[in-house]
């Protein structure tokens, strides 16, 4: 039943820097960690930093939507 609920509420993934769709929350989160590390290194140009920020913002939005989606699944399972 849980798998059916999740499948029925699937969303489109965010695109990473290569234009490929992120397949899961875990993939998006891992990519966000990579972006943060690169940005904190101070080795990116201004243009690279802006592109990284833009990608990161899209991934954050995707992660937030995934968390909200799974929160709804949990509420349904809990009977709320």
Foldseek 3Di string as FASTA:
>chain_A
DLVVLDVVPDDWAAAAPVRDGQDDLVSLVVLLVVLVVVVVVVPDDPVRNVSSVVRNVRSVVRNVVVVVSVVVSVCVVVPD
